[in-house]
Amino acid sequence: MEDKPKFTKEIEDDFFDPTAFNKLSSLFGDNFPELVKKHNDSAQENIERINKAITNNDREVLERTAHSMKGVSAQFGGIRLSHLAENMEKFGAEGDFKSAQKLYPSLKKTQQETAALMLKKI
């Protein structure tokens, strides 16, 4: 049984920008699959940092980590992930840990789905 999520064209269009992804692929050539894997590992580490920052009420780590995730996700075409990270960054800046905690499951799930989609595309 395959663990990778299946995406319809409509969801993928809202979820992922293949143009950005393909642009990076062209730029990095044969090194791109390894770059995608490293990006996915880094994104998973950021998800864990965000969770810990929420638990510890650490505004600075939450804001900084979400900011990083926002930018890198957009570069790789992760539209929805970038938008969720942007909201998380805002919650960190405001010290709104209640909202951050509510958003966290969606951020984590979207990161996992985005990673699976990128791996499928390489």
PDB file of N, CA and C in Angstrom:
ATOM      1  N   MET A   1       0.839  -1.189   0.000  1.00  0.00           N
ATOM      2  CA  MET A   1       0.000   0.000   0.000  1.00  0.00           C
ATOM      3  C   MET A   1       0.879   1.246   0.000  1.00  0.00           C
ATOM      4  N   GLU A   2       0.544   2.191  -0.835  1.00  0.00           N
ATOM      5  CA  GLU A   2       1.342   3.404  -0.987  1.00  0.00           C
ATOM      6  C   GLU A   2       0.956   4.429   0.076  1.00  0.00           C
ATOM      7  N   ASP A   3       1.978   5.019   0.735  1.00  0.00           N
ATOM      8  CA  ASP A   3       1.742   6.016   1.770  1.00  0.00           C
ATOM      9  C   ASP A   3       1.610   7.426   1.210  1.00  0.00           C
ATOM     10  N   LYS A   4       2.020   7.629  -0.021  1.00  0.00           N
ATOM     11  CA  LYS A   4       2.021   8.971  -0.597  1.00  0.00           C
ATOM     12  C   LYS A   4       0.584   9.418  -0.861  1.00  0.00           C
ATOM     13  N   PRO A   5       0.265  10.666  -0.515  1.00  0.00           N
ATOM     14  CA  PRO A   5      -1.085  11.154  -0.777  1.00  0.00           C
ATOM     15  C   PRO A   5      -1.303  11.319  -2.280  1.00  0.00           C
ATOM     16  N   LYS A   6      -2.544  11.185  -2.676  1.00  0.00           N
ATOM     17  CA  LYS A   6      -2.895  11.395  -4.071  1.00  0.00           C
ATOM     18  C   LYS A   6      -3.538  12.773  -4.178  1.00  0.00           C
ATOM     19  N   PHE A   7      -3.176  13.507  -5.195  1.00  0.00           N
ATOM     20  CA  PHE A   7      -3.676  14.862  -5.384  1.00  0.00           C
ATOM     21  C   PHE A   7      -4.429  14.951  -6.694  1.00  0.00           C
ATOM     22  N   THR A   8      -5.574  15.606  -6.668  1.00  0.00           N
ATOM     23  CA  THR A   8      -6.255  15.910  -7.911  1.00  0.00           C
ATOM     24  C   THR A   8      -5.594  17.143  -8.493  1.00  0.00           C
ATOM     25  N   LYS A   9      -5.820  17.396  -9.753  1.00  0.00           N
ATOM     26  CA  LYS A   9      -5.228  18.568 -10.418  1.00  0.00           C
ATOM     27  C   LYS A   9      -5.648  19.850  -9.702  1.00  0.00           C
ATOM     28  N   GLU A  10      -6.926  19.944  -9.319  1.00  0.00           N
ATOM     29  CA  GLU A  10      -7.409  21.161  -8.671  1.00  0.00           C
ATOM     30  C   GLU A  10      -6.697  21.404  -7.340  1.00  0.00           C
ATOM     31  N   ILE A  11      -6.574  20.361  -6.529  1.00  0.00           N
ATOM     32  CA  ILE A  11      -5.907  20.511  -5.236  1.00  0.00           C
ATOM     33  C   ILE A  11      -4.440  20.848  -5.449  1.00  0.00           C
ATOM     34  N   GLU A  12      -3.811  20.175  -6.390  1.00  0.00           N
ATOM     35  CA  GLU A  12      -2.394  20.416  -6.633  1.00  0.00           C
ATOM     36  C   GLU A  12      -2.155  21.861  -7.064  1.00  0.00           C
ATOM     37  N   ASP A  13      -3.040  22.407  -7.892  1.00  0.00           N
ATOM     38  CA  ASP A  13      -2.869  23.790  -8.349  1.00  0.00           C
ATOM     39  C   ASP A  13      -2.876  24.763  -7.175  1.00  0.00           C
ATOM     40  N   ASP A  14      -3.737  24.544  -6.205  1.00  0.00           N
ATOM     41  CA  ASP A  14      -3.829  25.391  -5.026  1.00  0.00           C
ATOM     42  C   ASP A  14      -2.728  25.069  -4.019  1.00  0.00           C
ATOM     43  N   PHE A  15      -2.260  23.861  -4.063  1.00  0.00           N
ATOM     44  CA  PHE A  15      -1.358  23.316  -3.072  1.00  0.00           C
ATOM     45  C   PHE A  15       0.115  23.516  -3.433  1.00  0.00           C
ATOM     46  N   PHE A  16       0.400  23.432  -4.714  1.00  0.00           N
ATOM     47  CA  PHE A  16       1.785  23.308  -5.174  1.00  0.00           C
ATOM     48  C   PHE A  16       1.971  24.035  -6.498  1.00  0.00           C
ATOM     49  N   ASP A  17       3.095  24.729  -6.649  1.00  0.00           N
ATOM     50  CA  ASP A  17       3.414  25.437  -7.883  1.00  0.00           C
ATOM     51  C   ASP A  17       4.494  24.661  -8.633  1.00  0.00           C
ATOM     52  N   PRO A  18       4.093  23.876  -9.634  1.00  0.00           N
ATOM     53  CA  PRO A  18       5.092  23.087 -10.349  1.00  0.00           C
ATOM     54  C   PRO A  18       6.100  23.949 -11.121  1.00  0.00           C
ATOM     55  N   THR A  19       5.726  25.169 -11.472  1.00  0.00           N
ATOM     56  CA  THR A  19       6.645  26.045 -12.203  1.00  0.00           C
ATOM     57  C   THR A  19       7.874  26.364 -11.356  1.00  0.00           C
ATOM     58  N   ALA A  20       7.654  26.730 -10.091  1.00  0.00           N
ATOM     59  CA  ALA A  20       8.779  27.026  -9.192  1.00  0.00           C
ATOM     60  C   ALA A  20       9.637  25.778  -8.988  1.00  0.00           C
ATOM     61  N   PHE A  21       8.973  24.647  -8.787  1.00  0.00           N
ATOM     62  CA  PHE A  21       9.678  23.385  -8.567  1.00  0.00           C
ATOM     63  C   PHE A  21      10.529  23.019  -9.783  1.00  0.00           C
ATOM     64  N   ASN A  22       9.938  23.124 -10.966  1.00  0.00           N
ATOM     65  CA  ASN A  22      10.654  22.776 -12.192  1.00  0.00           C
ATOM     66  C   ASN A  22      11.810  23.740 -12.478  1.00  0.00           C
ATOM     67  N   LYS A  23      11.637  24.985 -12.099  1.00  0.00           N
ATOM     68  CA  LYS A  23      12.711  25.968 -12.275  1.00  0.00           C
ATOM     69  C   LYS A  23      13.932  25.571 -11.442  1.00  0.00           C
ATOM     70  N   LEU A  24      13.694  25.182 -10.188  1.00  0.00           N
ATOM     71  CA  LEU A  24      14.801  24.715  -9.340  1.00  0.00           C
ATOM     72  C   LEU A  24      15.412  23.435  -9.900  1.00  0.00           C
ATOM     73  N   SER A  25      14.562  22.562 -10.386  1.00  0.00           N
ATOM     74  CA  SER A  25      15.045  21.308 -10.961  1.00  0.00           C
ATOM     75  C   SER A  25      15.988  21.577 -12.132  1.00  0.00           C
ATOM     76  N   SER A  26      15.618  22.513 -12.990  1.00  0.00           N
ATOM     77  CA  SER A  26      16.472  22.868 -14.127  1.00  0.00           C
ATOM     78  C   SER A  26      17.784  23.481 -13.666  1.00  0.00           C
ATOM     79  N   LEU A  27      17.699  24.299 -12.640  1.00  0.00           N
ATOM     80  CA  LEU A  27      18.879  24.979 -12.123  1.00  0.00           C
ATOM     81  C   LEU A  27      19.879  23.999 -11.503  1.00  0.00           C
ATOM     82  N   PHE A  28      19.383  23.018 -10.759  1.00  0.00           N
ATOM     83  CA  PHE A  28      20.263  22.104 -10.023  1.00  0.00           C
ATOM     84  C   PHE A  28      20.527  20.784 -10.748  1.00  0.00           C
ATOM     85  N   GLY A  29      19.787  20.502 -11.789  1.00  0.00           N
ATOM     86  CA  GLY A  29      20.038  19.324 -12.613  1.00  0.00           C
ATOM     87  C   GLY A  29      20.066  18.016 -11.830  1.00  0.00           C
ATOM     88  N   ASP A  30      21.139  17.259 -12.027  1.00  0.00           N
ATOM     89  CA  ASP A  30      21.258  15.936 -11.409  1.00  0.00           C
ATOM     90  C   ASP A  30      21.329  15.985  -9.880  1.00  0.00           C
ATOM     91  N   ASN A  31      21.665  17.137  -9.336  1.00  0.00           N
ATOM     92  CA  ASN A  31      21.746  17.282  -7.880  1.00  0.00           C
ATOM     93  C   ASN A  31      20.388  17.571  -7.237  1.00  0.00           C
ATOM     94  N   PHE A  32      19.373  17.786  -8.066  1.00  0.00           N
ATOM     95  CA  PHE A  32      18.079  18.204  -7.539  1.00  0.00           C
ATOM     96  C   PHE A  32      17.423  17.174  -6.622  1.00  0.00           C
ATOM     97  N   PRO A  33      17.395  15.886  -6.967  1.00  0.00           N
ATOM     98  CA  PRO A  33      16.761  14.925  -6.050  1.00  0.00           C
ATOM     99  C   PRO A  33      17.360  14.966  -4.635  1.00  0.00           C
ATOM    100  N   GLU A  34      18.671  15.083  -4.541  1.00  0.00           N
ATOM    101  CA  GLU A  34      19.306  15.159  -3.219  1.00  0.00           C
ATOM    102  C   GLU A  34      18.917  16.459  -2.506  1.00  0.00           C
ATOM    103  N   LEU A  35      18.816  17.538  -3.254  1.00  0.00           N
ATOM    104  CA  LEU A  35      18.398  18.823  -2.683  1.00  0.00           C
ATOM    105  C   LEU A  35      16.978  18.736  -2.130  1.00  0.00           C
ATOM    106  N   VAL A  36      16.091  18.080  -2.860  1.00  0.00           N
ATOM    107  CA  VAL A  36      14.706  17.910  -2.404  1.00  0.00           C
ATOM    108  C   VAL A  36      14.676  17.106  -1.113  1.00  0.00           C
ATOM    109  N   LYS A  37      15.450  16.052  -1.056  1.00  0.00           N
ATOM    110  CA  LYS A  37      15.483  15.227   0.161  1.00  0.00           C
ATOM    111  C   LYS A  37      16.016  16.018   1.352  1.00  0.00           C
ATOM    112  N   LYS A  38      17.054  16.812   1.126  1.00  0.00           N
ATOM    113  CA  LYS A  38      17.597  17.653   2.203  1.00  0.00           C
ATOM    114  C   LYS A  38      16.590  18.700   2.636  1.00  0.00           C
ATOM    115  N   HIS A  39      15.895  19.283   1.670  1.00  0.00           N
ATOM    116  CA  HIS A  39      14.850  20.263   1.987  1.00  0.00           C
ATOM    117  C   HIS A  39      13.766  19.621   2.840  1.00  0.00           C
ATOM    118  N   ASN A  40      13.332  18.428   2.459  1.00  0.00           N
ATOM    119  CA  ASN A  40      12.280  17.750   3.221  1.00  0.00           C
ATOM    120  C   ASN A  40      12.741  17.427   4.642  1.00  0.00           C
ATOM    121  N   ASP A  41      13.980  17.014   4.790  1.00  0.00           N
ATOM    122  CA  ASP A  41      14.523  16.746   6.131  1.00  0.00           C
ATOM    123  C   ASP A  41      14.551  18.023   6.959  1.00  0.00           C
ATOM    124  N   SER A  42      14.987  19.105   6.344  1.00  0.00           N
ATOM    125  CA  SER A  42      15.042  20.395   7.030  1.00  0.00           C
ATOM    126  C   SER A  42      13.645  20.873   7.422  1.00  0.00           C
ATOM    127  N   ALA A  43      12.689  20.688   6.526  1.00  0.00           N
ATOM    128  CA  ALA A  43      11.313  21.095   6.820  1.00  0.00           C
ATOM    129  C   ALA A  43      10.759  20.296   8.007  1.00  0.00           C
ATOM    130  N   GLN A  44      11.070  19.009   8.059  1.00  0.00           N
ATOM    131  CA  GLN A  44      10.621  18.185   9.182  1.00  0.00           C
ATOM    132  C   GLN A  44      11.255  18.665  10.488  1.00  0.00           C
ATOM    133  N   GLU A  45      12.522  19.008  10.436  1.00  0.00           N
ATOM    134  CA  GLU A  45      13.183  19.554  11.630  1.00  0.00           C
ATOM    135  C   GLU A  45      12.539  20.872  12.050  1.00  0.00           C
ATOM    136  N   ASN A  46      12.167  21.697  11.088  1.00  0.00           N
ATOM    137  CA  ASN A  46      11.504  22.963  11.411  1.00  0.00           C
ATOM    138  C   ASN A  46      10.136  22.732  12.034  1.00  0.00           C
ATOM    139  N   ILE A  47       9.428  21.725  11.574  1.00  0.00           N
ATOM    140  CA  ILE A  47       8.132  21.384  12.171  1.00  0.00           C
ATOM    141  C   ILE A  47       8.336  21.027  13.649  1.00  0.00           C
ATOM    142  N   GLU A  48       9.359  20.259  13.928  1.00  0.00           N
ATOM    143  CA  GLU A  48       9.653  19.880  15.316  1.00  0.00           C
ATOM    144  C   GLU A  48      10.054  21.095  16.150  1.00  0.00           C
ATOM    145  N   ARG A  49      10.847  22.006  15.569  1.00  0.00           N
ATOM    146  CA  ARG A  49      11.225  23.238  16.278  1.00  0.00           C
ATOM    147  C   ARG A  49       9.997  24.097  16.577  1.00  0.00           C
ATOM    148  N   ILE A  50       9.112  24.182  15.611  1.00  0.00           N
ATOM    149  CA  ILE A  50       7.889  24.967  15.804  1.00  0.00           C
ATOM    150  C   ILE A  50       7.054  24.373  16.931  1.00  0.00           C
ATOM    151  N   ASN A  51       6.903  23.084  16.938  1.00  0.00           N
ATOM    152  CA  ASN A  51       6.140  22.432  18.007  1.00  0.00           C
ATOM    153  C   ASN A  51       6.762  22.725  19.371  1.00  0.00           C
ATOM    154  N   LYS A  52       8.068  22.606  19.452  1.00  0.00           N
ATOM    155  CA  LYS A  52       8.767  22.875  20.712  1.00  0.00           C
ATOM    156  C   LYS A  52       8.627  24.349  21.110  1.00  0.00           C
ATOM    157  N   ALA A  53       8.716  25.247  20.139  1.00  0.00           N
ATOM    158  CA  ALA A  53       8.576  26.677  20.432  1.00  0.00           C
ATOM    159  C   ALA A  53       7.178  26.985  20.961  1.00  0.00           C
ATOM    160  N   ILE A  54       6.167  26.337  20.399  1.00  0.00           N
ATOM    161  CA  ILE A  54       4.798  26.538  20.887  1.00  0.00           C
ATOM    162  C   ILE A  54       4.687  26.027  22.317  1.00  0.00           C
ATOM    163  N   THR A  55       5.201  24.844  22.553  1.00  0.00           N
ATOM    164  CA  THR A  55       5.155  24.250  23.895  1.00  0.00           C
ATOM    165  C   THR A  55       5.863  25.120  24.926  1.00  0.00           C
ATOM    166  N   ASN A  56       6.991  25.714  24.517  1.00  0.00           N
ATOM    167  CA  ASN A  56       7.801  26.531  25.437  1.00  0.00           C
ATOM    168  C   ASN A  56       7.454  28.014  25.401  1.00  0.00           C
ATOM    169  N   ASN A  57       6.411  28.380  24.641  1.00  0.00           N
ATOM    170  CA  ASN A  57       6.040  29.793  24.491  1.00  0.00           C
ATOM    171  C   ASN A  57       7.239  30.646  24.085  1.00  0.00           C
ATOM    172  N   ASP A  58       7.987  30.168  23.117  1.00  0.00           N
ATOM    173  CA  ASP A  58       9.195  30.850  22.646  1.00  0.00           C
ATOM    174  C   ASP A  58       8.869  31.610  21.360  1.00  0.00           C
ATOM    175  N   ARG A  59       8.535  32.873  21.515  1.00  0.00           N
ATOM    176  CA  ARG A  59       8.139  33.717  20.389  1.00  0.00           C
ATOM    177  C   ARG A  59       9.227  33.802  19.324  1.00  0.00           C
ATOM    178  N   GLU A  60      10.453  34.037  19.759  1.00  0.00           N
ATOM    179  CA  GLU A  60      11.550  34.247  18.813  1.00  0.00           C
ATOM    180  C   GLU A  60      11.792  33.025  17.935  1.00  0.00           C
ATOM    181  N   VAL A  61      11.871  31.854  18.544  1.00  0.00           N
ATOM    182  CA  VAL A  61      12.117  30.630  17.772  1.00  0.00           C
ATOM    183  C   VAL A  61      10.931  30.340  16.857  1.00  0.00           C
ATOM    184  N   LEU A  62       9.727  30.536  17.355  1.00  0.00           N
ATOM    185  CA  LEU A  62       8.538  30.294  16.538  1.00  0.00           C
ATOM    186  C   LEU A  62       8.533  31.214  15.316  1.00  0.00           C
ATOM    187  N   GLU A  63       8.734  32.494  15.540  1.00  0.00           N
ATOM    188  CA  GLU A  63       8.707  33.455  14.437  1.00  0.00           C
ATOM    189  C   GLU A  63       9.832  33.184  13.436  1.00  0.00           C
ATOM    190  N   ARG A  64      11.043  32.989  13.925  1.00  0.00           N
ATOM    191  CA  ARG A  64      12.205  32.791  13.052  1.00  0.00           C
ATOM    192  C   ARG A  64      12.090  31.488  12.246  1.00  0.00           C
ATOM    193  N   THR A  65      11.674  30.421  12.900  1.00  0.00           N
ATOM    194  CA  THR A  65      11.579  29.131  12.217  1.00  0.00           C
ATOM    195  C   THR A  65      10.456  29.145  11.180  1.00  0.00           C
ATOM    196  N   ALA A  66       9.330  29.718  11.537  1.00  0.00           N
ATOM    197  CA  ALA A  66       8.218  29.811  10.587  1.00  0.00           C
ATOM    198  C   ALA A  66       8.591  30.704   9.404  1.00  0.00           C
ATOM    199  N   HIS A  67       9.327  31.772   9.670  1.00  0.00           N
ATOM    200  CA  HIS A  67       9.782  32.664   8.598  1.00  0.00           C
ATOM    201  C   HIS A  67      10.663  31.899   7.607  1.00  0.00           C
ATOM    202  N   SER A  68      11.585  31.126   8.123  1.00  0.00           N
ATOM    203  CA  SER A  68      12.464  30.322   7.283  1.00  0.00           C
ATOM    204  C   SER A  68      11.660  29.327   6.449  1.00  0.00           C
ATOM    205  N   MET A  69      10.719  28.651   7.094  1.00  0.00           N
ATOM    206  CA  MET A  69       9.895  27.668   6.405  1.00  0.00           C
ATOM    207  C   MET A  69       9.052  28.332   5.313  1.00  0.00           C
ATOM    208  N   LYS A  70       8.560  29.515   5.591  1.00  0.00           N
ATOM    209  CA  LYS A  70       7.743  30.257   4.619  1.00  0.00           C
ATOM    210  C   LYS A  70       8.530  30.489   3.329  1.00  0.00           C
ATOM    211  N   GLY A  71       9.732  31.016   3.457  1.00  0.00           N
ATOM    212  CA  GLY A  71      10.517  31.363   2.276  1.00  0.00           C
ATOM    213  C   GLY A  71      10.978  30.171   1.481  1.00  0.00           C
ATOM    214  N   VAL A  72      11.515  29.199   2.158  1.00  0.00           N
ATOM    215  CA  VAL A  72      12.048  28.021   1.459  1.00  0.00           C
ATOM    216  C   VAL A  72      10.923  27.224   0.813  1.00  0.00           C
ATOM    217  N   SER A  73       9.797  27.110   1.496  1.00  0.00           N
ATOM    218  CA  SER A  73       8.664  26.373   0.929  1.00  0.00           C
ATOM    219  C   SER A  73       8.189  27.022  -0.362  1.00  0.00           C
ATOM    220  N   ALA A  74       8.135  28.343  -0.369  1.00  0.00           N
ATOM    221  CA  ALA A  74       7.718  29.051  -1.581  1.00  0.00           C
ATOM    222  C   ALA A  74       8.707  28.800  -2.719  1.00  0.00           C
ATOM    223  N   GLN A  75       9.996  28.803  -2.414  1.00  0.00           N
ATOM    224  CA  GLN A  75      11.001  28.554  -3.454  1.00  0.00           C
ATOM    225  C   GLN A  75      10.828  27.185  -4.097  1.00  0.00           C
ATOM    226  N   PHE A  76      10.414  26.193  -3.301  1.00  0.00           N
ATOM    227  CA  PHE A  76      10.227  24.838  -3.817  1.00  0.00           C
ATOM    228  C   PHE A  76       8.829  24.612  -4.391  1.00  0.00           C
ATOM    229  N   GLY A  77       7.976  25.626  -4.328  1.00  0.00           N
ATOM    230  CA  GLY A  77       6.634  25.502  -4.899  1.00  0.00           C
ATOM    231  C   GLY A  77       5.554  25.125  -3.907  1.00  0.00           C
ATOM    232  N   GLY A  78       5.890  25.034  -2.634  1.00  0.00           N
ATOM    233  CA  GLY A  78       4.910  24.655  -1.612  1.00  0.00           C
ATOM    234  C   GLY A  78       4.034  25.842  -1.223  1.00  0.00           C
ATOM    235  N   ILE A  79       3.055  26.133  -2.051  1.00  0.00           N
ATOM    236  CA  ILE A  79       2.219  27.318  -1.867  1.00  0.00           C
ATOM    237  C   ILE A  79       1.474  27.280  -0.533  1.00  0.00           C
ATOM    238  N   ARG A  80       0.726  26.222  -0.311  1.00  0.00           N
ATOM    239  CA  ARG A  80      -0.079  26.140   0.917  1.00  0.00           C
ATOM    240  C   ARG A  80       0.819  26.113   2.152  1.00  0.00           C
ATOM    241  N   LEU A  81       1.907  25.370   2.092  1.00  0.00           N
ATOM    242  CA  LEU A  81       2.821  25.300   3.226  1.00  0.00           C
ATOM    243  C   LEU A  81       3.403  26.675   3.530  1.00  0.00           C
ATOM    244  N   SER A  82       3.758  27.408   2.501  1.00  0.00           N
ATOM    245  CA  SER A  82       4.297  28.751   2.687  1.00  0.00           C
ATOM    246  C   SER A  82       3.274  29.678   3.349  1.00  0.00           C
ATOM    247  N   HIS A  83       2.019  29.582   2.921  1.00  0.00           N
ATOM    248  CA  HIS A  83       0.972  30.425   3.514  1.00  0.00           C
ATOM    249  C   HIS A  83       0.718  30.069   4.981  1.00  0.00           C
ATOM    250  N   LEU A  84       0.702  28.792   5.271  1.00  0.00           N
ATOM    251  CA  LEU A  84       0.505  28.375   6.669  1.00  0.00           C
ATOM    252  C   LEU A  84       1.680  28.825   7.533  1.00  0.00           C
ATOM    253  N   ALA A  85       2.893  28.700   7.000  1.00  0.00           N
ATOM    254  CA  ALA A  85       4.075  29.140   7.741  1.00  0.00           C
ATOM    255  C   ALA A  85       4.045  30.649   7.962  1.00  0.00           C
ATOM    256  N   GLU A  86       3.537  31.388   6.995  1.00  0.00           N
ATOM    257  CA  GLU A  86       3.408  32.838   7.150  1.00  0.00           C
ATOM    258  C   GLU A  86       2.469  33.186   8.312  1.00  0.00           C
ATOM    259  N   ASN A  87       1.366  32.455   8.403  1.00  0.00           N
ATOM    260  CA  ASN A  87       0.448  32.665   9.532  1.00  0.00           C
ATOM    261  C   ASN A  87       1.112  32.305  10.849  1.00  0.00           C
ATOM    262  N   MET A  88       1.864  31.214  10.841  1.00  0.00           N
ATOM    263  CA  MET A  88       2.564  30.794  12.059  1.00  0.00           C
ATOM    264  C   MET A  88       3.594  31.848  12.462  1.00  0.00           C
ATOM    265  N   GLU A  89       4.275  32.416  11.491  1.00  0.00           N
ATOM    266  CA  GLU A  89       5.248  33.478  11.756  1.00  0.00           C
ATOM    267  C   GLU A  89       4.555  34.664  12.444  1.00  0.00           C
ATOM    268  N   LYS A  90       3.403  35.028  11.950  1.00  0.00           N
ATOM    269  CA  LYS A  90       2.622  36.129  12.526  1.00  0.00           C
ATOM    270  C   LYS A  90       2.248  35.809  13.976  1.00  0.00           C
ATOM    271  N   PHE A  91       1.810  34.584  14.214  1.00  0.00           N
ATOM    272  CA  PHE A  91       1.444  34.200  15.584  1.00  0.00           C
ATOM    273  C   PHE A  91       2.658  34.266  16.503  1.00  0.00           C
ATOM    274  N   GLY A  92       3.823  33.892  15.985  1.00  0.00           N
ATOM    275  CA  GLY A  92       5.043  34.001  16.781  1.00  0.00           C
ATOM    276  C   GLY A  92       5.359  35.445  17.116  1.00  0.00           C
ATOM    277  N   ALA A  93       5.255  36.316  16.128  1.00  0.00           N
ATOM    278  CA  ALA A  93       5.538  37.734  16.337  1.00  0.00           C
ATOM    279  C   ALA A  93       4.598  38.340  17.368  1.00  0.00           C
ATOM    280  N   GLU A  94       3.360  37.873  17.361  1.00  0.00           N
ATOM    281  CA  GLU A  94       2.349  38.399  18.283  1.00  0.00           C
ATOM    282  C   GLU A  94       2.330  37.668  19.624  1.00  0.00           C
ATOM    283  N   GLY A  95       3.058  36.564  19.720  1.00  0.00           N
ATOM    284  CA  GLY A  95       3.015  35.762  20.939  1.00  0.00           C
ATOM    285  C   GLY A  95       1.670  35.074  21.125  1.00  0.00           C
ATOM    286  N   ASP A  96       0.992  34.787  20.013  1.00  0.00           N
ATOM    287  CA  ASP A  96      -0.333  34.157  20.050  1.00  0.00           C
ATOM    288  C   ASP A  96      -0.161  32.638  19.968  1.00  0.00           C
ATOM    289  N   PHE A  97       0.188  32.045  21.093  1.00  0.00           N
ATOM    290  CA  PHE A  97       0.476  30.609  21.118  1.00  0.00           C
ATOM    291  C   PHE A  97      -0.778  29.760  21.020  1.00  0.00           C
ATOM    292  N   LYS A  98      -1.907  30.301  21.436  1.00  0.00           N
ATOM    293  CA  LYS A  98      -3.169  29.569  21.316  1.00  0.00           C
ATOM    294  C   LYS A  98      -3.509  29.348  19.835  1.00  0.00           C
ATOM    295  N   SER A  99      -3.398  30.413  19.047  1.00  0.00           N
ATOM    296  CA  SER A  99      -3.654  30.281  17.602  1.00  0.00           C
ATOM    297  C   SER A  99      -2.592  29.412  16.936  1.00  0.00           C
ATOM    298  N   ALA A 100      -1.345  29.550  17.372  1.00  0.00           N
ATOM    299  CA  ALA A 100      -0.261  28.733  16.821  1.00  0.00           C
ATOM    300  C   ALA A 100      -0.528  27.253  17.084  1.00  0.00           C
ATOM    301  N   GLN A 101      -0.998  26.949  18.272  1.00  0.00           N
ATOM    302  CA  GLN A 101      -1.283  25.552  18.623  1.00  0.00           C
ATOM    303  C   GLN A 101      -2.426  25.002  17.768  1.00  0.00           C
ATOM    304  N   LYS A 102      -3.414  25.824  17.483  1.00  0.00           N
ATOM    305  CA  LYS A 102      -4.530  25.389  16.628  1.00  0.00           C
ATOM    306  C   LYS A 102      -4.074  25.165  15.183  1.00  0.00           C
ATOM    307  N   LEU A 103      -3.147  25.992  14.707  1.00  0.00           N
ATOM    308  CA  LEU A 103      -2.671  25.893  13.333  1.00  0.00           C
ATOM    309  C   LEU A 103      -1.672  24.752  13.142  1.00  0.00           C
ATOM    310  N   TYR A 104      -0.975  24.376  14.200  1.00  0.00           N
ATOM    311  CA  TYR A 104       0.120  23.412  14.094  1.00  0.00           C
ATOM    312  C   TYR A 104      -0.261  22.106  13.382  1.00  0.00           C
ATOM    313  N   PRO A 105      -1.381  21.454  13.709  1.00  0.00           N
ATOM    314  CA  PRO A 105      -1.687  20.193  13.007  1.00  0.00           C
ATOM    315  C   PRO A 105      -1.807  20.360  11.498  1.00  0.00           C
ATOM    316  N   SER A 106      -2.388  21.464  11.044  1.00  0.00           N
ATOM    317  CA  SER A 106      -2.505  21.713   9.601  1.00  0.00           C
ATOM    318  C   SER A 106      -1.138  21.949   8.976  1.00  0.00           C
ATOM    319  N   LEU A 107      -0.295  22.688   9.676  1.00  0.00           N
ATOM    320  CA  LEU A 107       1.057  22.940   9.177  1.00  0.00           C
ATOM    321  C   LEU A 107       1.826  21.632   9.039  1.00  0.00           C
ATOM    322  N   LYS A 108       1.758  20.806  10.056  1.00  0.00           N
ATOM    323  CA  LYS A 108       2.471  19.525  10.042  1.00  0.00           C
ATOM    324  C   LYS A 108       1.961  18.616   8.917  1.00  0.00           C
ATOM    325  N   LYS A 109       0.652  18.506   8.793  1.00  0.00           N
ATOM    326  CA  LYS A 109       0.070  17.652   7.756  1.00  0.00           C
ATOM    327  C   LYS A 109       0.437  18.166   6.369  1.00  0.00           C
ATOM    328  N   THR A 110       0.368  19.470   6.173  1.00  0.00           N
ATOM    329  CA  THR A 110       0.695  20.050   4.879  1.00  0.00           C
ATOM    330  C   THR A 110       2.164  19.847   4.547  1.00  0.00           C
ATOM    331  N   GLN A 111       3.029  19.948   5.550  1.00  0.00           N
ATOM    332  CA  GLN A 111       4.455  19.690   5.307  1.00  0.00           C
ATOM    333  C   GLN A 111       4.656  18.249   4.848  1.00  0.00           C
ATOM    334  N   GLN A 112       3.990  17.312   5.478  1.00  0.00           N
ATOM    335  CA  GLN A 112       4.124  15.908   5.104  1.00  0.00           C
ATOM    336  C   GLN A 112       3.603  15.660   3.694  1.00  0.00           C
ATOM    337  N   GLU A 113       2.461  16.256   3.367  1.00  0.00           N
ATOM    338  CA  GLU A 113       1.882  16.086   2.039  1.00  0.00           C
ATOM    339  C   GLU A 113       2.749  16.736   0.957  1.00  0.00           C
ATOM    340  N   THR A 114       3.297  17.908   1.277  1.00  0.00           N
ATOM    341  CA  THR A 114       4.165  18.604   0.325  1.00  0.00           C
ATOM    342  C   THR A 114       5.433  17.795   0.078  1.00  0.00           C
ATOM    343  N   ALA A 115       6.011  17.260   1.132  1.00  0.00           N
ATOM    344  CA  ALA A 115       7.219  16.434   0.993  1.00  0.00           C
ATOM    345  C   ALA A 115       6.940  15.213   0.123  1.00  0.00           C
ATOM    346  N   ALA A 116       5.814  14.553   0.357  1.00  0.00           N
ATOM    347  CA  ALA A 116       5.468  13.370  -0.432  1.00  0.00           C
ATOM    348  C   ALA A 116       5.279  13.730  -1.905  1.00  0.00           C
ATOM    349  N   LEU A 117       4.633  14.852  -2.160  1.00  0.00           N
ATOM    350  CA  LEU A 117       4.415  15.274  -3.533  1.00  0.00           C
ATOM    351  C   LEU A 117       5.737  15.585  -4.229  1.00  0.00           C
ATOM    352  N   MET A 118       6.621  16.285  -3.544  1.00  0.00           N
ATOM    353  CA  MET A 118       7.914  16.615  -4.153  1.00  0.00           C
ATOM    354  C   MET A 118       8.720  15.359  -4.450  1.00  0.00           C
ATOM    355  N   LEU A 119       8.698  14.416  -3.547  1.00  0.00           N
ATOM    356  CA  LEU A 119       9.435  13.164  -3.778  1.00  0.00           C
ATOM    357  C   LEU A 119       8.850  12.409  -4.979  1.00  0.00           C
ATOM    358  N   LYS A 120       7.550  12.490  -5.121  1.00  0.00           N
ATOM    359  CA  LYS A 120       6.879  11.836  -6.250  1.00  0.00           C
ATOM    360  C   LYS A 120       7.292  12.484  -7.570  1.00  0.00           C
ATOM    361  N   LYS A 121       7.573  13.787  -7.537  1.00  0.00           N
ATOM    362  CA  LYS A 121       7.874  14.529  -8.766  1.00  0.00           C
ATOM    363  C   LYS A 121       9.347  14.448  -9.176  1.00  0.00           C
ATOM    364  N   ILE A 122      10.236  13.962  -8.305  1.00  0.00           N
ATOM    365  CA  ILE A 122      11.651  13.903  -8.700  1.00  0.00           C
ATOM    366  C   ILE A 122      11.976  12.591  -9.390  1.00  0.00           C
TER     367      ILE A 122
END
